[in-house]
Amino acid sequence: MTAESKPRFLDSLIGLFRDKPGEAPTTKPNEDRDFEAQRANFDAALHDLDEKAEEHRRQRAAASSAPGVSRSTAEERAAERERSIADIRQTIGKEIGSMHEKLGTGVSTDLEALSASLEELAVEVDAGKDSHELIPRARARVVQRLQKEAGELALTRLEVLWRRQNLEWPDPTHHDPWAQPEEIERSRRRHRAEVRESFLGQSLSRTGKGLLGIVTVWGSDYPHGSSPLWEETVLEGVVAGIRGDLVREFIAVARRDENLIASLAEASIGKEVAKLQQVLKAGVTSIEQANQAAASALRALDEVVPDLVWEHIRSQVPHARGQWESNDRPRES
């Protein structure tokens, strides 16, 4: 506010209380002088306050630029954010480990190693899932099938364990205060269904991160440690750990029995190879014919081989059939 604008503002303010135009003023000369003195004092006080504020701004600027006083650089802020993320992830990782013990999941406590193994598998899957070479594509499709089956089994396992502990799934949804109990229950069921669908659709890499409580998109903005969303993230980490442990177990059996599995798959793959050779011998007369033959061969890799591997694993691994001991102990990694 400039010195020139203050009187105009006060004049306008004073005008609100003046008598109507044409009417004789009701104030006395002495009262006018008193008001003018008050206005002058008011202006002087505002001026002094402006001077004081400016003085403090100058002092603060001088202090921040003085030798020995460090400024927060972009690198320092980034480093501080990384430290905060590391602290949060360590905290939630410990809670996930404690919840594994509390529920008796039987999952190895070496969650870091389990996460690393899933990340390695994820790289293999990404490299081979769209390949037209037999071995990389078949391996990728088999692992994807095992990941899918392990997800269903893990969710069922977690539900049994948490109900055994008389626990309820945390509800991070903010309900309308006037919502009826049945509306709230429907909302909770929808939320759990969404969590389930999201979990089953997870990639190996996301499962590997999830079992450690890592939600990449949150950065350092994790929910409060006692909030329902935090508690839900811990349980999601537990079920991801169960899933990852199952995948590791299934992969170990598949590698152990790879020769047997190969012999089982040989007949199906052999049929598709024979079909391809017949098409090539007869001559390919159109793009559609070539695409149809290739699609049939790829289907054998994408569906038939994973089916054979899964059925073999189900015959060998009780956990693959949903059979768990009541007093599970952590298995050796």
C-alpha atoms as a PDB file:
ATOM      1  CA  MET A   1       0.000   0.000   0.000  1.00  0.00           C
ATOM      2  CA  THR A   2       1.487   3.341  -1.019  1.00  0.00           C
ATOM      3  CA  ALA A   3       1.417   6.503   0.998  1.00  0.00           C
ATOM      4  CA  GLU A   4      -0.915   8.071  -1.593  1.00  0.00           C
ATOM      5  CA  SER A   5      -3.417   5.212  -1.476  1.00  0.00           C
ATOM      6  CA  LYS A   6      -3.831   5.172   2.302  1.00  0.00           C
ATOM      7  CA  PRO A   7      -5.645   8.516   2.582  1.00  0.00           C
ATOM      8  CA  ARG A   8      -7.930   7.624  -0.338  1.00  0.00           C
ATOM      9  CA  PHE A   9      -8.862   4.339   1.318  1.00  0.00           C
ATOM     10  CA  LEU A  10      -9.478   6.036   4.665  1.00  0.00           C
ATOM     11  CA  ASP A  11     -11.413   8.821   2.985  1.00  0.00           C
ATOM     12  CA  SER A  12     -13.673   6.221   1.385  1.00  0.00           C
ATOM     13  CA  LEU A  13     -14.013   4.463   4.709  1.00  0.00           C
ATOM     14  CA  ILE A  14     -14.856   7.699   6.444  1.00  0.00           C
ATOM     15  CA  GLY A  15     -17.412   8.422   3.716  1.00  0.00           C
ATOM     16  CA  LEU A  16     -19.422   5.390   4.775  1.00  0.00           C
ATOM     17  CA  PHE A  17     -20.169   7.119   8.038  1.00  0.00           C
ATOM     18  CA  ARG A  18     -20.666  10.653   6.764  1.00  0.00           C
ATOM     19  CA  ASP A  19     -24.114  12.177   6.583  1.00  0.00           C
ATOM     20  CA  LYS A  20     -26.110  11.873   3.342  1.00  0.00           C
ATOM     21  CA  PRO A  21     -25.448  14.454   0.631  1.00  0.00           C
ATOM     22  CA  GLY A  22     -27.231  17.720   1.269  1.00  0.00           C
ATOM     23  CA  GLU A  23     -27.518  17.107   4.980  1.00  0.00           C
ATOM     24  CA  ALA A  24     -25.673  19.229   7.463  1.00  0.00           C
ATOM     25  CA  PRO A  25     -22.703  17.489   9.103  1.00  0.00           C
ATOM     26  CA  THR A  26     -23.445  16.238  12.592  1.00  0.00           C
ATOM     27  CA  THR A  27     -19.824  16.102  13.816  1.00  0.00           C
ATOM     28  CA  LYS A  28     -18.214  18.965  15.711  1.00  0.00           C
ATOM     29  CA  PRO A  29     -14.949  20.636  14.672  1.00  0.00           C
ATOM     30  CA  ASN A  30     -13.106  19.206  17.686  1.00  0.00           C
ATOM     31  CA  GLU A  31     -14.230  15.684  16.743  1.00  0.00           C
ATOM     32  CA  ASP A  32     -12.899  16.205  13.179  1.00  0.00           C
ATOM     33  CA  ARG A  33      -9.513  17.214  14.555  1.00  0.00           C
ATOM     34  CA  ASP A  34      -9.464  14.169  16.857  1.00  0.00           C
ATOM     35  CA  PHE A  35     -10.186  11.860  13.909  1.00  0.00           C
ATOM     36  CA  GLU A  36      -7.483  13.459  11.766  1.00  0.00           C
ATOM     37  CA  ALA A  37      -4.992  12.913  14.586  1.00  0.00           C
ATOM     38  CA  GLN A  38      -6.009   9.245  14.883  1.00  0.00           C
ATOM     39  CA  ARG A  39      -5.627   8.794  11.134  1.00  0.00           C
ATOM     40  CA  ALA A  40      -2.146  10.305  11.230  1.00  0.00           C
ATOM     41  CA  ASN A  41      -1.160   8.008  14.078  1.00  0.00           C
ATOM     42  CA  PHE A  42      -2.555   5.008  12.213  1.00  0.00           C
ATOM     43  CA  ASP A  43      -0.562   5.879   9.068  1.00  0.00           C
ATOM     44  CA  ALA A  44       2.594   6.359  11.101  1.00  0.00           C
ATOM     45  CA  ALA A  45       2.133   2.988  12.816  1.00  0.00           C
ATOM     46  CA  LEU A  46       1.685   1.223   9.458  1.00  0.00           C
ATOM     47  CA  HIS A  47       4.810   2.900   8.143  1.00  0.00           C
ATOM     48  CA  ASP A  48       6.829   1.759  11.177  1.00  0.00           C
ATOM     49  CA  LEU A  49       5.567  -1.816  10.765  1.00  0.00           C
ATOM     50  CA  ASP A  50       6.606  -1.846   7.093  1.00  0.00           C
ATOM     51  CA  GLU A  51      10.081  -0.636   8.091  1.00  0.00           C
ATOM     52  CA  LYS A  52      10.426  -3.342  10.757  1.00  0.00           C
ATOM     53  CA  ALA A  53       9.337  -6.090   8.343  1.00  0.00           C
ATOM     54  CA  GLU A  54      11.829  -4.924   5.732  1.00  0.00           C
ATOM     55  CA  GLU A  55      14.591  -4.867   8.348  1.00  0.00           C
ATOM     56  CA  HIS A  56      13.855  -8.474   9.330  1.00  0.00           C
ATOM     57  CA  ARG A  57      13.878  -9.552   5.666  1.00  0.00           C
ATOM     58  CA  ARG A  58      17.304  -7.979   5.213  1.00  0.00           C
ATOM     59  CA  GLN A  59      18.634  -9.702   8.343  1.00  0.00           C
ATOM     60  CA  ARG A  60      17.320 -13.115   7.226  1.00  0.00           C
ATOM     61  CA  ALA A  61      18.834 -12.734   3.771  1.00  0.00           C
ATOM     62  CA  ALA A  62      22.187 -11.738   5.245  1.00  0.00           C
ATOM     63  CA  ALA A  63      22.158 -14.720   7.630  1.00  0.00           C
ATOM     64  CA  SER A  64      21.406 -17.224   4.858  1.00  0.00           C
ATOM     65  CA  SER A  65      24.286 -15.969   2.738  1.00  0.00           C
ATOM     66  CA  ALA A  66      26.830 -15.716   5.557  1.00  0.00           C
ATOM     67  CA  PRO A  67      29.984 -17.890   5.404  1.00  0.00           C
ATOM     68  CA  GLY A  68      29.574 -21.278   7.101  1.00  0.00           C
ATOM     69  CA  VAL A  69      25.830 -21.404   6.561  1.00  0.00           C
ATOM     70  CA  SER A  70      24.926 -24.222   4.117  1.00  0.00           C
ATOM     71  CA  ARG A  71      21.993 -24.107   1.771  1.00  0.00           C
ATOM     72  CA  SER A  72      19.868 -27.116   0.898  1.00  0.00           C
ATOM     73  CA  THR A  73      20.835 -28.117  -2.611  1.00  0.00           C
ATOM     74  CA  ALA A  74      18.830 -30.305  -4.975  1.00  0.00           C
ATOM     75  CA  GLU A  75      21.351 -33.102  -4.389  1.00  0.00           C
ATOM     76  CA  GLU A  76      20.983 -32.838  -0.611  1.00  0.00           C
ATOM     77  CA  ARG A  77      17.192 -32.886  -0.835  1.00  0.00           C
ATOM     78  CA  ALA A  78      17.324 -35.934  -3.108  1.00  0.00           C
ATOM     79  CA  ALA A  79      19.695 -37.696  -0.704  1.00  0.00           C
ATOM     80  CA  GLU A  80      17.407 -36.913   2.223  1.00  0.00           C
ATOM     81  CA  ARG A  81      14.428 -38.285   0.294  1.00  0.00           C
ATOM     82  CA  GLU A  82      16.322 -41.504  -0.459  1.00  0.00           C
ATOM     83  CA  ARG A  83      17.196 -41.883   3.235  1.00  0.00           C
ATOM     84  CA  SER A  84      13.542 -41.382   4.131  1.00  0.00           C
ATOM     85  CA  ILE A  85      12.463 -44.018   1.590  1.00  0.00           C
ATOM     86  CA  ALA A  86      15.053 -46.474   2.912  1.00  0.00           C
ATOM     87  CA  ASP A  87      13.901 -45.934   6.524  1.00  0.00           C
ATOM     88  CA  ILE A  88      10.241 -46.455   5.606  1.00  0.00           C
ATOM     89  CA  ARG A  89      10.954 -49.592   3.602  1.00  0.00           C
ATOM     90  CA  GLN A  90      13.045 -51.016   6.408  1.00  0.00           C
ATOM     91  CA  THR A  91      10.202 -50.380   8.851  1.00  0.00           C
ATOM     92  CA  ILE A  92       7.493 -51.949   6.693  1.00  0.00           C
ATOM     93  CA  GLY A  93       9.797 -54.832   5.774  1.00  0.00           C
ATOM     94  CA  LYS A  94      10.233 -55.657   9.464  1.00  0.00           C
ATOM     95  CA  GLU A  95       6.468 -55.539   9.996  1.00  0.00           C
ATOM     96  CA  ILE A  96       5.912 -57.888   7.059  1.00  0.00           C
ATOM     97  CA  GLY A  97       8.478 -60.319   8.507  1.00  0.00           C
ATOM     98  CA  SER A  98       6.789 -60.135  11.910  1.00  0.00           C
ATOM     99  CA  MET A  99       3.392 -60.784  10.330  1.00  0.00           C
ATOM    100  CA  HIS A 100       4.782 -63.879   8.555  1.00  0.00           C
ATOM    101  CA  GLU A 101       5.844 -65.188  11.963  1.00  0.00           C
ATOM    102  CA  LYS A 102       2.560 -64.226  13.631  1.00  0.00           C
ATOM    103  CA  LEU A 103       0.455 -65.947  10.968  1.00  0.00           C
ATOM    104  CA  GLY A 104       2.778 -68.940  10.612  1.00  0.00           C
ATOM    105  CA  THR A 105       3.026 -68.717   6.833  1.00  0.00           C
ATOM    106  CA  GLY A 106       6.126 -70.890   6.706  1.00  0.00           C
ATOM    107  CA  VAL A 107       7.825 -68.434   4.359  1.00  0.00           C
ATOM    108  CA  SER A 108      11.570 -68.015   4.710  1.00  0.00           C
ATOM    109  CA  THR A 109      12.574 -64.904   6.630  1.00  0.00           C
ATOM    110  CA  ASP A 110      15.133 -64.099   3.910  1.00  0.00           C
ATOM    111  CA  LEU A 111      12.695 -61.987   1.960  1.00  0.00           C
ATOM    112  CA  GLU A 112      15.467 -60.003   0.279  1.00  0.00           C
ATOM    113  CA  ALA A 113      16.828 -63.156  -1.381  1.00  0.00           C
ATOM    114  CA  LEU A 114      13.337 -64.231  -2.401  1.00  0.00           C
ATOM    115  CA  SER A 115      12.694 -60.832  -3.964  1.00  0.00           C
ATOM    116  CA  ALA A 116      15.990 -60.986  -5.874  1.00  0.00           C
ATOM    117  CA  SER A 117      15.168 -64.437  -7.279  1.00  0.00           C
ATOM    118  CA  LEU A 118      11.799 -63.220  -8.550  1.00  0.00           C
ATOM    119  CA  GLU A 119      13.443 -60.219 -10.192  1.00  0.00           C
ATOM    120  CA  GLU A 120      15.807 -62.590 -12.040  1.00  0.00           C
ATOM    121  CA  LEU A 121      12.859 -64.705 -13.204  1.00  0.00           C
ATOM    122  CA  ALA A 122      11.077 -61.556 -14.353  1.00  0.00           C
ATOM    123  CA  VAL A 123      13.996 -60.711 -16.624  1.00  0.00           C
ATOM    124  CA  GLU A 124      13.825 -64.189 -18.212  1.00  0.00           C
ATOM    125  CA  VAL A 125      10.082 -63.909 -18.730  1.00  0.00           C
ATOM    126  CA  ASP A 126      10.287 -60.471 -20.337  1.00  0.00           C
ATOM    127  CA  ALA A 127      13.027 -61.675 -22.674  1.00  0.00           C
ATOM    128  CA  GLY A 128      11.243 -64.843 -23.780  1.00  0.00           C
ATOM    129  CA  LYS A 129       7.484 -64.313 -23.630  1.00  0.00           C
ATOM    130  CA  ASP A 130       7.223 -62.977 -27.200  1.00  0.00           C
ATOM    131  CA  SER A 131      10.106 -64.957 -28.663  1.00  0.00           C
ATOM    132  CA  HIS A 132       9.575 -67.302 -31.614  1.00  0.00           C
ATOM    133  CA  GLU A 133      12.322 -69.586 -30.314  1.00  0.00           C
ATOM    134  CA  LEU A 134      11.022 -72.708 -28.614  1.00  0.00           C
ATOM    135  CA  ILE A 135      12.994 -72.824 -25.351  1.00  0.00           C
ATOM    136  CA  PRO A 136      12.868 -69.128 -24.282  1.00  0.00           C
ATOM    137  CA  ARG A 137       9.167 -68.812 -25.100  1.00  0.00           C
ATOM    138  CA  ALA A 138       8.177 -72.102 -23.455  1.00  0.00           C
ATOM    139  CA  ARG A 139      10.184 -71.229 -20.317  1.00  0.00           C
ATOM    140  CA  ALA A 140       8.561 -67.789 -20.080  1.00  0.00           C
ATOM    141  CA  ARG A 141       5.036 -69.149 -20.531  1.00  0.00           C
ATOM    142  CA  VAL A 142       5.609 -71.864 -17.948  1.00  0.00           C
ATOM    143  CA  VAL A 143       6.821 -69.353 -15.351  1.00  0.00           C
ATOM    144  CA  GLN A 144       3.843 -67.090 -16.054  1.00  0.00           C
ATOM    145  CA  ARG A 145       1.504 -70.038 -15.484  1.00  0.00           C
ATOM    146  CA  LEU A 146       3.209 -70.909 -12.209  1.00  0.00           C
ATOM    147  CA  GLN A 147       2.956 -67.273 -11.103  1.00  0.00           C
ATOM    148  CA  LYS A 148      -0.779 -67.297 -11.840  1.00  0.00           C
ATOM    149  CA  GLU A 149      -1.461 -70.533  -9.982  1.00  0.00           C
ATOM    150  CA  ALA A 150       0.674 -69.432  -7.029  1.00  0.00           C
ATOM    151  CA  GLY A 151      -1.357 -66.228  -6.747  1.00  0.00           C
ATOM    152  CA  GLU A 152      -4.650 -68.063  -6.245  1.00  0.00           C
ATOM    153  CA  LEU A 153      -3.077 -70.452  -3.757  1.00  0.00           C
ATOM    154  CA  ALA A 154      -1.438 -67.633  -1.801  1.00  0.00           C
ATOM    155  CA  LEU A 155      -4.678 -65.672  -1.414  1.00  0.00           C
ATOM    156  CA  THR A 156      -6.510 -68.762  -0.162  1.00  0.00           C
ATOM    157  CA  ARG A 157      -3.663 -69.517   2.242  1.00  0.00           C
ATOM    158  CA  LEU A 158      -3.586 -65.990   3.663  1.00  0.00           C
ATOM    159  CA  GLU A 159      -7.343 -65.931   4.189  1.00  0.00           C
ATOM    160  CA  VAL A 160      -7.187 -69.159   6.181  1.00  0.00           C
ATOM    161  CA  LEU A 161      -4.319 -67.898   8.324  1.00  0.00           C
ATOM    162  CA  TRP A 162      -5.712 -64.479   9.148  1.00  0.00           C
ATOM    163  CA  ARG A 163      -9.145 -65.880   9.997  1.00  0.00           C
ATOM    164  CA  ARG A 164      -7.412 -68.380  12.247  1.00  0.00           C
ATOM    165  CA  GLN A 165      -6.002 -65.367  14.109  1.00  0.00           C
ATOM    166  CA  ASN A 166      -9.476 -63.726  14.192  1.00  0.00           C
ATOM    167  CA  LEU A 167      -8.191 -60.840  12.076  1.00  0.00           C
ATOM    168  CA  GLU A 168     -10.186 -58.741   9.625  1.00  0.00           C
ATOM    169  CA  TRP A 169      -8.892 -57.261   6.406  1.00  0.00           C
ATOM    170  CA  PRO A 170      -8.083 -53.563   6.983  1.00  0.00           C
ATOM    171  CA  ASP A 171     -10.482 -51.124   5.359  1.00  0.00           C
ATOM    172  CA  PRO A 172      -8.734 -47.962   4.093  1.00  0.00           C
ATOM    173  CA  THR A 173     -11.923 -46.700   2.435  1.00  0.00           C
ATOM    174  CA  HIS A 174     -13.417 -43.475   3.805  1.00  0.00           C
ATOM    175  CA  HIS A 175     -17.111 -44.188   4.184  1.00  0.00           C
ATOM    176  CA  ASP A 176     -19.876 -41.624   4.275  1.00  0.00           C
ATOM    177  CA  PRO A 177     -20.761 -40.999   7.951  1.00  0.00           C
ATOM    178  CA  TRP A 178     -24.426 -41.547   7.076  1.00  0.00           C
ATOM    179  CA  ALA A 179     -23.826 -44.806   5.197  1.00  0.00           C
ATOM    180  CA  GLN A 180     -25.856 -47.800   6.320  1.00  0.00           C
ATOM    181  CA  PRO A 181     -24.019 -50.923   7.619  1.00  0.00           C
ATOM    182  CA  GLU A 182     -25.013 -52.925   4.537  1.00  0.00           C
ATOM    183  CA  GLU A 183     -23.649 -50.193   2.270  1.00  0.00           C
ATOM    184  CA  ILE A 184     -20.358 -50.197   4.147  1.00  0.00           C
ATOM    185  CA  GLU A 185     -20.126 -53.981   3.887  1.00  0.00           C
ATOM    186  CA  ARG A 186     -20.764 -53.859   0.128  1.00  0.00           C
ATOM    187  CA  SER A 187     -18.069 -51.215  -0.192  1.00  0.00           C
ATOM    188  CA  ARG A 188     -15.613 -53.394   1.713  1.00  0.00           C
ATOM    189  CA  ARG A 189     -16.380 -56.409  -0.474  1.00  0.00           C
ATOM    190  CA  ARG A 190     -15.821 -54.328  -3.601  1.00  0.00           C
ATOM    191  CA  HIS A 191     -12.520 -53.075  -2.229  1.00  0.00           C
ATOM    192  CA  ARG A 192     -11.318 -56.580  -1.377  1.00  0.00           C
ATOM    193  CA  ALA A 193     -12.339 -57.777  -4.843  1.00  0.00           C
ATOM    194  CA  GLU A 194     -10.323 -54.941  -6.409  1.00  0.00           C
ATOM    195  CA  VAL A 195      -7.299 -55.783  -4.253  1.00  0.00           C
ATOM    196  CA  ARG A 196      -7.610 -59.435  -5.251  1.00  0.00           C
ATOM    197  CA  GLU A 197      -7.846 -58.653  -8.959  1.00  0.00           C
ATOM    198  CA  SER A 198      -4.880 -56.296  -8.787  1.00  0.00           C
ATOM    199  CA  PHE A 199      -2.811 -58.875  -6.916  1.00  0.00           C
ATOM    200  CA  LEU A 200      -3.554 -61.712  -9.330  1.00  0.00           C
ATOM    201  CA  GLY A 201      -2.570 -59.523 -12.259  1.00  0.00           C
ATOM    202  CA  GLN A 202       0.811 -58.613 -10.764  1.00  0.00           C
ATOM    203  CA  SER A 203       3.988 -59.286 -12.677  1.00  0.00           C
ATOM    204  CA  LEU A 204       6.840 -61.231 -11.106  1.00  0.00           C
ATOM    205  CA  SER A 205       8.776 -58.010 -10.653  1.00  0.00           C
ATOM    206  CA  ARG A 206       5.930 -56.331  -8.806  1.00  0.00           C
ATOM    207  CA  THR A 207       5.462 -59.389  -6.617  1.00  0.00           C
ATOM    208  CA  GLY A 208       9.166 -59.268  -5.801  1.00  0.00           C
ATOM    209  CA  LYS A 209       8.877 -55.652  -4.709  1.00  0.00           C
ATOM    210  CA  GLY A 210       5.540 -56.142  -2.969  1.00  0.00           C
ATOM    211  CA  LEU A 211       6.793 -58.882  -0.658  1.00  0.00           C
ATOM    212  CA  LEU A 212       9.207 -56.271   0.756  1.00  0.00           C
ATOM    213  CA  GLY A 213       6.447 -53.671   1.089  1.00  0.00           C
ATOM    214  CA  ILE A 214       7.818 -51.582  -1.775  1.00  0.00           C
ATOM    215  CA  VAL A 215       5.189 -49.485  -3.551  1.00  0.00           C
ATOM    216  CA  THR A 216       7.312 -47.640  -6.084  1.00  0.00           C
ATOM    217  CA  VAL A 217       4.759 -44.983  -6.997  1.00  0.00           C
ATOM    218  CA  TRP A 218       4.511 -43.843  -3.364  1.00  0.00           C
ATOM    219  CA  GLY A 219       8.143 -42.820  -3.166  1.00  0.00           C
ATOM    220  CA  SER A 220       8.520 -41.586   0.418  1.00  0.00           C
ATOM    221  CA  ASP A 221       4.809 -40.742   0.759  1.00  0.00           C
ATOM    222  CA  TYR A 222       3.780 -43.908   2.587  1.00  0.00           C
ATOM    223  CA  PRO A 223       0.655 -43.845   4.763  1.00  0.00           C
ATOM    224  CA  HIS A 224       0.916 -43.464   8.526  1.00  0.00           C
ATOM    225  CA  GLY A 225       2.225 -46.546  10.296  1.00  0.00           C
ATOM    226  CA  SER A 226      -1.005 -47.243  12.177  1.00  0.00           C
ATOM    227  CA  SER A 227      -3.395 -46.483   9.316  1.00  0.00           C
ATOM    228  CA  PRO A 228      -5.577 -49.127   7.617  1.00  0.00           C
ATOM    229  CA  LEU A 229      -3.751 -48.515   4.329  1.00  0.00           C
ATOM    230  CA  TRP A 230      -0.396 -49.269   5.978  1.00  0.00           C
ATOM    231  CA  GLU A 231      -1.824 -52.427   7.561  1.00  0.00           C
ATOM    232  CA  GLU A 232      -3.275 -53.481   4.200  1.00  0.00           C
ATOM    233  CA  THR A 233       0.112 -52.947   2.550  1.00  0.00           C
ATOM    234  CA  VAL A 234       1.701 -55.203   5.175  1.00  0.00           C
ATOM    235  CA  LEU A 235      -0.820 -57.971   4.455  1.00  0.00           C
ATOM    236  CA  GLU A 236      -0.321 -57.533   0.721  1.00  0.00           C
ATOM    237  CA  GLY A 237       3.390 -57.950   1.379  1.00  0.00           C
ATOM    238  CA  VAL A 238       2.692 -61.170   3.276  1.00  0.00           C
ATOM    239  CA  VAL A 239       0.563 -62.672   0.503  1.00  0.00           C
ATOM    240  CA  ALA A 240       3.169 -61.628  -2.068  1.00  0.00           C
ATOM    241  CA  GLY A 241       5.756 -63.459   0.015  1.00  0.00           C
ATOM    242  CA  ILE A 242       3.622 -66.606   0.091  1.00  0.00           C
ATOM    243  CA  ARG A 243       3.184 -66.362  -3.654  1.00  0.00           C
ATOM    244  CA  GLY A 244       6.871 -65.810  -4.308  1.00  0.00           C
ATOM    245  CA  ASP A 245       7.828 -68.722  -2.068  1.00  0.00           C
ATOM    246  CA  LEU A 246       5.416 -70.986  -3.940  1.00  0.00           C
ATOM    247  CA  VAL A 247       6.835 -69.899  -7.306  1.00  0.00           C
ATOM    248  CA  ARG A 248      10.319 -70.669  -6.062  1.00  0.00           C
ATOM    249  CA  GLU A 249       9.216 -74.109  -4.869  1.00  0.00           C
ATOM    250  CA  PHE A 250       7.447 -74.880  -8.161  1.00  0.00           C
ATOM    251  CA  ILE A 251      10.428 -73.749 -10.234  1.00  0.00           C
ATOM    252  CA  ALA A 252      12.742 -75.967  -8.181  1.00  0.00           C
ATOM    253  CA  VAL A 253      10.587 -79.020  -8.952  1.00  0.00           C
ATOM    254  CA  ALA A 254      10.348 -78.125 -12.648  1.00  0.00           C
ATOM    255  CA  ARG A 255      14.136 -77.841 -12.883  1.00  0.00           C
ATOM    256  CA  ARG A 256      14.616 -81.075 -10.975  1.00  0.00           C
ATOM    257  CA  ASP A 257      12.292 -82.961 -13.326  1.00  0.00           C
ATOM    258  CA  GLU A 258      13.042 -81.061 -16.532  1.00  0.00           C
ATOM    259  CA  ASN A 259      13.943 -84.213 -18.504  1.00  0.00           C
ATOM    260  CA  LEU A 260      10.670 -85.887 -17.589  1.00  0.00           C
ATOM    261  CA  ILE A 261       8.709 -82.738 -18.405  1.00  0.00           C
ATOM    262  CA  ALA A 262      10.491 -82.429 -21.745  1.00  0.00           C
ATOM    263  CA  SER A 263       9.535 -85.987 -22.651  1.00  0.00           C
ATOM    264  CA  LEU A 264       5.901 -85.272 -21.731  1.00  0.00           C
ATOM    265  CA  ALA A 265       5.885 -82.125 -23.870  1.00  0.00           C
ATOM    266  CA  GLU A 266       7.714 -83.739 -26.770  1.00  0.00           C
ATOM    267  CA  ALA A 267       4.660 -85.454 -28.204  1.00  0.00           C
ATOM    268  CA  SER A 268       2.576 -82.280 -28.276  1.00  0.00           C
ATOM    269  CA  ILE A 269       5.367 -80.180 -29.702  1.00  0.00           C
ATOM    270  CA  GLY A 270       6.216 -82.927 -32.190  1.00  0.00           C
ATOM    271  CA  LYS A 271       2.677 -82.832 -33.572  1.00  0.00           C
ATOM    272  CA  GLU A 272       2.916 -79.103 -34.149  1.00  0.00           C
ATOM    273  CA  VAL A 273       6.336 -79.438 -35.790  1.00  0.00           C
ATOM    274  CA  ALA A 274       4.944 -82.077 -38.140  1.00  0.00           C
ATOM    275  CA  LYS A 275       2.075 -79.756 -39.082  1.00  0.00           C
ATOM    276  CA  LEU A 276       4.514 -76.938 -39.831  1.00  0.00           C
ATOM    277  CA  GLN A 277       6.628 -79.214 -41.992  1.00  0.00           C
ATOM    278  CA  GLN A 278       3.563 -80.373 -43.926  1.00  0.00           C
ATOM    279  CA  VAL A 279       2.547 -76.775 -44.594  1.00  0.00           C
ATOM    280  CA  LEU A 280       6.039 -75.877 -45.754  1.00  0.00           C
ATOM    281  CA  LYS A 281       6.267 -79.001 -47.958  1.00  0.00           C
ATOM    282  CA  ALA A 282       2.928 -78.280 -49.590  1.00  0.00           C
ATOM    283  CA  GLY A 283       3.904 -74.680 -50.145  1.00  0.00           C
ATOM    284  CA  VAL A 284       2.638 -71.553 -48.451  1.00  0.00           C
ATOM    285  CA  THR A 285       0.130 -69.857 -50.750  1.00  0.00           C
ATOM    286  CA  SER A 286      -0.978 -66.922 -48.562  1.00  0.00           C
ATOM    287  CA  ILE A 287      -0.069 -64.788 -45.567  1.00  0.00           C
ATOM    288  CA  GLU A 288      -3.173 -66.074 -43.787  1.00  0.00           C
ATOM    289  CA  GLN A 289      -2.059 -69.673 -44.200  1.00  0.00           C
ATOM    290  CA  ALA A 290       1.399 -68.914 -42.831  1.00  0.00           C
ATOM    291  CA  ASN A 291      -0.018 -66.988 -39.880  1.00  0.00           C
ATOM    292  CA  GLN A 292      -2.466 -69.779 -39.068  1.00  0.00           C
ATOM    293  CA  ALA A 293       0.250 -72.403 -39.039  1.00  0.00           C
ATOM    294  CA  ALA A 294       2.522 -70.272 -36.874  1.00  0.00           C
ATOM    295  CA  ALA A 295      -0.311 -69.473 -34.439  1.00  0.00           C
ATOM    296  CA  SER A 296      -1.055 -73.159 -34.006  1.00  0.00           C
ATOM    297  CA  ALA A 297       2.570 -73.925 -33.198  1.00  0.00           C
ATOM    298  CA  LEU A 298       2.824 -71.029 -30.748  1.00  0.00           C
ATOM    299  CA  ARG A 299      -0.342 -72.188 -29.002  1.00  0.00           C
ATOM    300  CA  ALA A 300       1.432 -75.425 -28.140  1.00  0.00           C
ATOM    301  CA  LEU A 301       4.132 -73.385 -26.413  1.00  0.00           C
ATOM    302  CA  ASP A 302       1.759 -70.905 -24.766  1.00  0.00           C
ATOM    303  CA  GLU A 303      -0.880 -73.328 -23.495  1.00  0.00           C
ATOM    304  CA  VAL A 304      -0.112 -77.012 -23.897  1.00  0.00           C
ATOM    305  CA  VAL A 305       3.394 -76.998 -22.399  1.00  0.00           C
ATOM    306  CA  PRO A 306       2.462 -74.871 -19.344  1.00  0.00           C
ATOM    307  CA  ASP A 307      -0.526 -77.174 -18.746  1.00  0.00           C
ATOM    308  CA  LEU A 308       1.728 -80.231 -18.789  1.00  0.00           C
ATOM    309  CA  VAL A 309       4.228 -78.632 -16.418  1.00  0.00           C
ATOM    310  CA  TRP A 310       1.535 -77.506 -13.998  1.00  0.00           C
ATOM    311  CA  GLU A 311      -0.130 -80.903 -13.849  1.00  0.00           C
ATOM    312  CA  HIS A 312       3.231 -82.507 -13.118  1.00  0.00           C
ATOM    313  CA  ILE A 313       3.970 -80.037 -10.326  1.00  0.00           C
ATOM    314  CA  ARG A 314       0.515 -80.590  -8.801  1.00  0.00           C
ATOM    315  CA  SER A 315       1.260 -84.300  -8.676  1.00  0.00           C
ATOM    316  CA  GLN A 316       4.543 -83.697  -6.852  1.00  0.00           C
ATOM    317  CA  VAL A 317       3.940 -80.712  -4.541  1.00  0.00           C
ATOM    318  CA  PRO A 318       1.203 -80.787  -1.852  1.00  0.00           C
ATOM    319  CA  HIS A 319       1.176 -76.988  -1.663  1.00  0.00           C
ATOM    320  CA  ALA A 320       0.246 -76.888  -5.354  1.00  0.00           C
ATOM    321  CA  ARG A 321      -2.894 -78.824  -4.408  1.00  0.00           C
ATOM    322  CA  GLY A 322      -3.667 -76.426  -1.553  1.00  0.00           C
ATOM    323  CA  GLN A 323      -2.527 -78.898   1.119  1.00  0.00           C
ATOM    324  CA  TRP A 324      -0.728 -77.302   4.054  1.00  0.00           C
ATOM    325  CA  GLU A 325       0.428 -78.663   7.375  1.00  0.00           C
ATOM    326  CA  SER A 326      -1.313 -77.084  10.338  1.00  0.00           C
ATOM    327  CA  ASN A 327       1.988 -76.312  12.037  1.00  0.00           C
ATOM    328  CA  ASP A 328       4.030 -75.044   9.076  1.00  0.00           C
ATOM    329  CA  ARG A 329       7.594 -74.092   9.786  1.00  0.00           C
ATOM    330  CA  PRO A 330       9.749 -71.762   7.692  1.00  0.00           C
ATOM    331  CA  ARG A 331      11.282 -73.817   4.903  1.00  0.00           C
ATOM    332  CA  GLU A 332      14.974 -73.714   4.172  1.00  0.00           C
ATOM    333  CA  SER A 333      15.802 -71.409   1.258  1.00  0.00           C
END
